[in-house]
Protein backbone atom coordinates (compact mmCIF):
# COMPACT_ATOMS: atom_id res chain seq x y z
CA MET A 1 151.56 -152.80 94.66
CA VAL A 2 150.54 -149.34 93.48
CA TYR A 3 148.28 -149.20 90.41
CA VAL A 4 148.47 -145.96 88.40
CA LEU A 5 146.05 -145.39 85.51
CA GLY A 6 146.30 -142.52 83.08
CA SER A 7 143.61 -140.98 80.89
CA ASN A 8 143.27 -140.67 77.13
CA SER A 9 145.00 -137.28 77.33
CA ASP A 10 148.67 -136.38 77.77
CA ASP A 11 149.46 -137.46 81.33
CA THR A 12 152.42 -137.29 83.70
CA LEU A 13 152.41 -140.42 85.86
CA LYS A 14 154.73 -141.36 88.71
CA GLY A 15 155.15 -144.63 90.55
CA SER A 16 156.30 -145.39 94.06
CA ALA A 17 159.19 -147.27 95.64
CA ALA A 18 157.02 -150.41 95.59
CA ALA A 19 156.30 -152.73 92.66
CA ASP A 20 153.96 -150.62 90.53
CA GLU A 21 151.76 -151.14 87.50
CA ILE A 22 151.45 -147.97 85.46
CA ARG A 23 149.20 -147.66 82.40
CA GLY A 24 149.42 -144.53 80.30
CA ARG A 25 146.54 -145.37 77.94
CA ASP A 26 146.09 -143.01 74.96
CA GLY A 27 147.97 -139.75 74.70
CA SER A 28 151.60 -138.74 74.71
CA ASP A 29 152.47 -139.53 78.30
CA VAL A 30 155.44 -138.95 80.59
CA ILE A 31 155.88 -141.89 82.94
CA TYR A 32 158.34 -142.34 85.80
CA SER A 33 158.43 -145.49 87.88
CA GLY A 34 160.21 -145.96 91.18
CA ASN A 35 162.74 -148.55 92.25
CA GLY A 36 160.51 -151.60 92.51
CA GLY A 37 159.95 -154.35 89.96
CA ASP A 38 157.48 -152.39 87.85
CA LYS A 39 155.19 -153.05 84.91
CA ILE A 40 154.75 -150.04 82.63
CA LEU A 41 152.44 -149.83 79.62
CA GLY A 42 152.68 -146.63 77.63
CA GLY A 43 149.68 -147.27 75.39
CA ASP A 44 149.04 -145.31 72.20
CA GLY A 45 150.87 -142.04 71.71
CA ASP A 46 154.43 -140.76 71.72
CA ASP A 47 155.44 -141.60 75.26
CA PHE A 48 158.48 -140.79 77.39
CA ILE A 49 159.11 -143.60 79.88
CA THR A 50 161.78 -143.84 82.56
CA SER A 51 161.92 -146.84 84.87
CA GLY A 52 164.07 -146.89 87.99
CA SER A 53 166.22 -149.64 89.39
CA GLY A 54 164.52 -153.00 89.70
CA TRP A 55 163.48 -155.75 87.32
CA ASP A 56 161.01 -153.89 85.17
CA HIS A 57 158.78 -154.83 82.24
CA VAL A 58 158.16 -151.93 79.87
CA TYR A 59 155.73 -151.91 76.93
CA GLY A 60 155.90 -148.79 74.80
CA GLY A 61 152.82 -149.49 72.68
CA SER A 62 152.02 -147.65 69.46
CA GLY A 63 153.74 -144.36 68.78
CA ASP A 64 157.25 -142.97 68.65
CA ASP A 65 158.37 -143.68 72.19
CA ALA A 66 161.52 -142.83 74.16
CA ILE A 67 162.28 -145.43 76.84
CA ASN A 68 165.04 -145.48 79.45
CA SER A 69 164.82 -148.73 81.38
CA GLY A 70 167.27 -147.81 84.16
CA GLN A 71 169.28 -150.26 86.24
CA GLY A 72 168.23 -153.87 86.69
CA ASP A 73 167.53 -156.83 84.44
CA ASP A 74 164.71 -155.32 82.40
CA VAL A 75 162.49 -156.51 79.56
CA VAL A 76 161.44 -153.85 77.06
CA TYR A 77 158.99 -154.12 74.15
CA SER A 78 159.02 -150.81 72.34
CA GLY A 79 156.07 -151.71 70.10
CA ASP A 80 155.03 -150.03 66.85
CA GLY A 81 156.63 -146.75 65.90
CA ASN A 82 160.08 -145.23 65.52
CA ASP A 83 161.29 -145.75 69.05
CA ILE A 84 164.44 -144.97 71.03
CA VAL A 85 165.33 -147.39 73.82
CA VAL A 86 168.26 -146.92 76.20
CA SER A 87 168.65 -149.80 78.62
CA GLY A 88 170.80 -149.12 81.65
CA ASP A 89 173.06 -151.42 83.60
CA GLY A 90 171.90 -155.01 83.87
CA ASN A 91 171.23 -157.98 81.63
CA ASP A 92 168.38 -156.59 79.58
CA ILE A 93 166.10 -157.96 76.87
CA VAL A 94 164.93 -155.40 74.32
CA PHE A 95 162.58 -155.91 71.35
CA GLY A 96 162.21 -153.07 68.87
CA GLY A 97 159.05 -154.13 67.03
CA THR A 98 157.80 -152.42 63.88
CA GLY A 99 159.41 -149.11 62.96
CA ALA A 100 162.86 -147.63 62.46
CA ASP A 101 164.11 -148.03 66.02
CA LYS A 102 167.29 -147.06 67.84
CA LEU A 103 168.24 -149.52 70.59
CA TYR A 104 171.18 -149.02 72.97
CA GLY A 105 172.15 -151.82 75.33
CA GLY A 106 174.30 -150.29 78.07
CA ALA A 107 176.44 -152.26 80.52
CA GLY A 108 175.49 -155.92 80.95
CA ASP A 109 174.97 -159.03 78.85
CA ASP A 110 172.00 -157.90 76.79
CA TYR A 111 169.74 -159.39 74.13
CA LEU A 112 168.56 -156.84 71.58
CA SER A 113 166.28 -157.42 68.61
CA GLY A 114 165.61 -154.62 66.14
CA GLY A 115 162.44 -156.02 64.59
CA ASP A 116 161.07 -154.81 61.27
CA ASP A 117 162.35 -151.78 59.32
CA ASN A 118 165.73 -150.06 59.25
CA ASP A 119 167.09 -150.07 62.78
CA ILE A 120 170.22 -148.97 64.63
CA VAL A 121 171.18 -151.40 67.40
CA ARG A 122 174.19 -151.08 69.73
CA GLY A 123 175.08 -153.61 72.38
CA GLY A 124 177.23 -151.45 74.65
CA ILE A 125 179.49 -153.01 77.28
CA GLY A 126 179.06 -156.74 77.90
CA ASP A 127 178.73 -160.03 76.04
CA ASP A 128 175.64 -159.29 74.00
CA ARG A 129 173.42 -161.16 71.55
CA ILE A 130 172.08 -158.83 68.89
CA ASN A 131 169.74 -159.28 65.93
CA GLY A 132 168.99 -156.58 63.40
CA ASP A 133 166.11 -158.67 62.00
CA ALA A 134 164.27 -157.49 58.85
CA GLY A 135 165.31 -154.25 57.19
CA ASP A 136 168.55 -152.52 56.26
CA ASP A 137 170.06 -152.26 59.72
CA ARG A 138 173.20 -150.89 61.34
CA VAL A 139 174.18 -153.25 64.13
CA TYR A 140 177.13 -152.86 66.52
CA GLY A 141 178.34 -155.27 69.17
CA ASP A 142 180.58 -152.67 70.86
CA GLU A 143 182.67 -153.91 73.82
CA GLY A 144 182.57 -157.57 74.85
CA ASN A 145 182.46 -160.97 73.18
CA ASP A 146 179.29 -160.55 71.17
CA ILE A 147 177.16 -162.53 68.74
CA VAL A 148 175.80 -160.10 66.15
CA HIS A 149 173.33 -160.92 63.36
CA GLY A 150 172.31 -158.50 60.65
CA GLY A 151 169.21 -160.47 59.70
CA ALA A 152 167.35 -160.08 56.42
CA GLY A 153 168.22 -156.96 54.45
CA ASN A 154 171.35 -155.12 53.35
CA ASP A 155 173.02 -154.56 56.69
CA TYR A 156 176.10 -152.97 58.21
CA VAL A 157 177.26 -155.31 60.98
CA TYR A 158 180.19 -154.50 63.28
CA GLY A 159 181.55 -156.64 66.09
CA GLY A 160 183.61 -154.01 67.89
CA ALA A 161 186.11 -154.78 70.64
CA GLY A 162 186.23 -158.40 71.79
CA ASN A 163 186.22 -161.86 70.27
CA ASP A 164 182.98 -161.70 68.34
CA LYS A 165 180.87 -163.81 66.02
CA VAL A 166 179.49 -161.49 63.36
CA LEU A 167 176.97 -162.61 60.74
CA GLY A 168 175.48 -160.70 57.85
CA ASP A 169 172.74 -163.28 57.10
CA ASP A 170 170.57 -162.60 54.02
CA GLY A 171 171.27 -159.57 51.85
CA ASN A 172 174.29 -157.70 50.51
CA ASP A 173 176.04 -156.87 53.76
CA PHE A 174 179.12 -155.11 55.09
CA VAL A 175 180.41 -157.30 57.93
CA TYR A 176 183.27 -156.12 60.19
CA GLY A 177 184.91 -158.14 62.91
CA GLY A 178 186.62 -155.19 64.58
CA ASP A 179 189.22 -155.66 67.31
CA GLY A 180 189.82 -159.19 68.57
CA ASP A 181 189.85 -162.70 67.15
CA ASP A 182 186.54 -162.84 65.32
CA GLY A 183 184.41 -165.16 63.25
CA VAL A 184 182.99 -163.20 60.30
CA TYR A 185 180.20 -164.74 58.19
CA GLY A 186 178.60 -163.12 55.18
CA GLY A 187 175.63 -165.41 54.58
CA ALA A 188 173.59 -165.22 51.39
CA GLY A 189 174.28 -162.26 49.11
CA ASN A 190 177.23 -160.34 47.71
CA ASP A 191 179.00 -159.30 50.89
CA PHE A 192 182.06 -157.34 51.98
CA LEU A 193 183.86 -159.03 54.89
CA PHE A 194 186.48 -157.28 57.02
CA GLY A 195 188.29 -159.26 59.68
CA GLY A 196 189.81 -156.19 61.29
CA SER A 197 192.68 -156.53 63.74
CA GLY A 198 193.32 -159.93 65.28
CA ASN A 199 193.38 -163.47 63.96
CA ASN A 200 190.06 -163.93 62.22
CA TYR A 201 188.08 -166.67 60.51
CA LEU A 202 185.99 -165.56 57.53
CA VAL A 203 183.23 -167.37 55.64
CA GLY A 204 181.61 -165.57 52.74
CA GLY A 205 178.66 -167.86 52.15
CA SER A 206 176.76 -167.88 48.87
CA GLY A 207 177.20 -164.99 46.46
CA HIS A 208 180.15 -163.05 45.05
CA ASP A 209 181.97 -161.84 48.14
CA THR A 210 184.88 -159.50 48.75
CA PHE A 211 187.27 -160.29 51.60
CA VAL A 212 189.24 -157.29 52.85
CA PHE A 213 192.53 -158.02 54.61
CA GLU A 214 193.79 -155.44 57.07
CA ASN A 215 195.83 -156.92 59.94
CA GLY A 216 196.60 -160.18 61.70
CA GLN A 217 196.51 -163.78 60.57
CA ASP A 218 193.22 -164.44 58.78
CA ARG A 219 191.78 -167.66 57.39
CA ILE A 220 189.21 -167.61 54.60
CA ALA A 221 187.19 -170.81 54.53
CA ASP A 222 185.35 -170.61 51.21
CA PHE A 223 187.20 -168.38 48.76
CA THR A 224 185.89 -169.25 45.28
CA VAL A 225 188.32 -168.52 42.46
CA GLY A 226 186.69 -166.48 39.69
CA GLU A 227 183.78 -165.36 41.89
CA ASP A 228 185.17 -163.88 45.10
CA LYS A 229 187.78 -161.15 45.51
CA LEU A 230 190.58 -160.65 48.04
CA LYS A 231 191.25 -156.98 48.69
CA PHE A 232 194.25 -155.59 50.52
CA GLY A 233 192.99 -152.60 52.44
CA ALA A 234 195.81 -151.75 54.84
CA PHE A 235 199.42 -152.50 55.78
CA GLY A 236 200.63 -150.27 52.94
CA VAL A 237 199.89 -153.00 50.41
CA SER A 238 198.08 -150.60 48.09
CA GLN A 239 201.42 -149.62 46.54
CA TYR A 240 201.95 -153.18 45.29
CA ASN A 241 200.40 -155.24 42.53
CA TYR A 242 199.57 -158.85 41.84
CA ASN A 243 203.20 -159.72 41.11
CA PHE A 244 204.21 -158.67 44.62
CA ILE A 245 201.41 -160.74 46.17
CA HIS A 246 202.25 -163.73 43.99
CA ASP A 247 205.86 -163.61 45.16
CA HIS A 248 204.62 -163.96 48.74
CA MET A 249 202.34 -166.94 48.03
CA ALA A 250 203.03 -170.56 48.87
CA GLN A 251 201.13 -173.80 48.52
CA VAL A 252 200.88 -175.36 51.98
CA GLY A 253 199.03 -178.65 51.70
CA ALA A 254 195.61 -177.93 50.25
CA ASN A 255 195.81 -174.23 51.10
CA THR A 256 197.28 -171.11 49.54
CA VAL A 257 199.12 -169.02 52.14
CA ILE A 258 200.09 -165.39 51.54
CA THR A 259 202.73 -164.24 54.03
CA LEU A 260 203.48 -160.52 53.99
CA ASP A 261 205.41 -160.89 57.23
CA PRO A 262 204.98 -163.22 60.26
CA ASP A 263 202.23 -160.99 61.68
CA HIS A 264 200.31 -160.48 58.43
CA VAL A 265 199.23 -163.79 56.91
CA ILE A 266 196.20 -164.81 54.83
CA THR A 267 195.28 -168.46 54.35
CA LEU A 268 192.88 -169.42 51.55
CA GLU A 269 191.62 -172.81 52.61
CA ASN A 270 191.32 -175.49 49.91
CA VAL A 271 192.51 -173.13 47.17
CA ASN A 272 195.16 -174.22 44.67
CA MET A 273 197.73 -171.47 44.16
CA ALA A 274 197.99 -172.32 40.46
CA ASP A 275 194.30 -171.48 39.98
CA LEU A 276 194.64 -167.89 41.20
CA HIS A 277 194.90 -164.97 38.77
CA SER A 278 195.31 -161.23 39.06
CA SER A 279 191.55 -160.81 38.57
CA ASP A 280 190.97 -162.49 41.95
CA PHE A 281 192.66 -159.60 43.78
CA LEU A 282 191.88 -155.95 44.42
CA PHE A 283 194.26 -153.27 45.68
CA ALA A 284 193.04 -150.20 47.56
């Protein structure tokens, strides 16, 4: 192992091809590790850290850091500050910490956690698990079958391509399933839920929620008459009114089913058709 120790000034530190431990200490440092399984600690200051291939552990420390973890299954703690983390290929674990961070997952099945404040988190390619955590976050699953949580705060949560599970959690959230057959959950708060393309399952949770129908065959589990709204946002339905929608409704067992055509169907589970009124619908 090579041990590299910086000063309390602005240093440029380089590792070797072995498994290194590099400590930047104070100052705004530039740190490059080699291709071993390295441990890198930026310390205080606005650091620029690049780790090579290998299973690396990177700790940004305090300051507004920029971290590129490279290839390999890496673990990154960005620490306090408004940090930017780009993890390369591999199954990475990334924690944002305190600050308005930007986290980008890359290829691989990653776990990304934004931490406190208003973060931007993107999973990239792979089946990712993503948490925005506290703050008003923008969270994207991107490609793959992802599990995406907005966390506490008023979040924008997007599943992207793949069969995703997308959850707004606490706050007044915008929750999008994207492409694929998704589960879309609003959580507590007055949420907007978009299934997107595919056959989706939507649960608003507590609060006055708006369900936006676009494409596919969607099921809404907890539509509450007089509180929630069903909005038609695509398929050319904006030219129609409640009378048109009512003509395409049917009571099927305990459910109300709205069939625009065989490929565009909305099922309101446990909703009596007779209880619905024009005020329960919105038209874009």
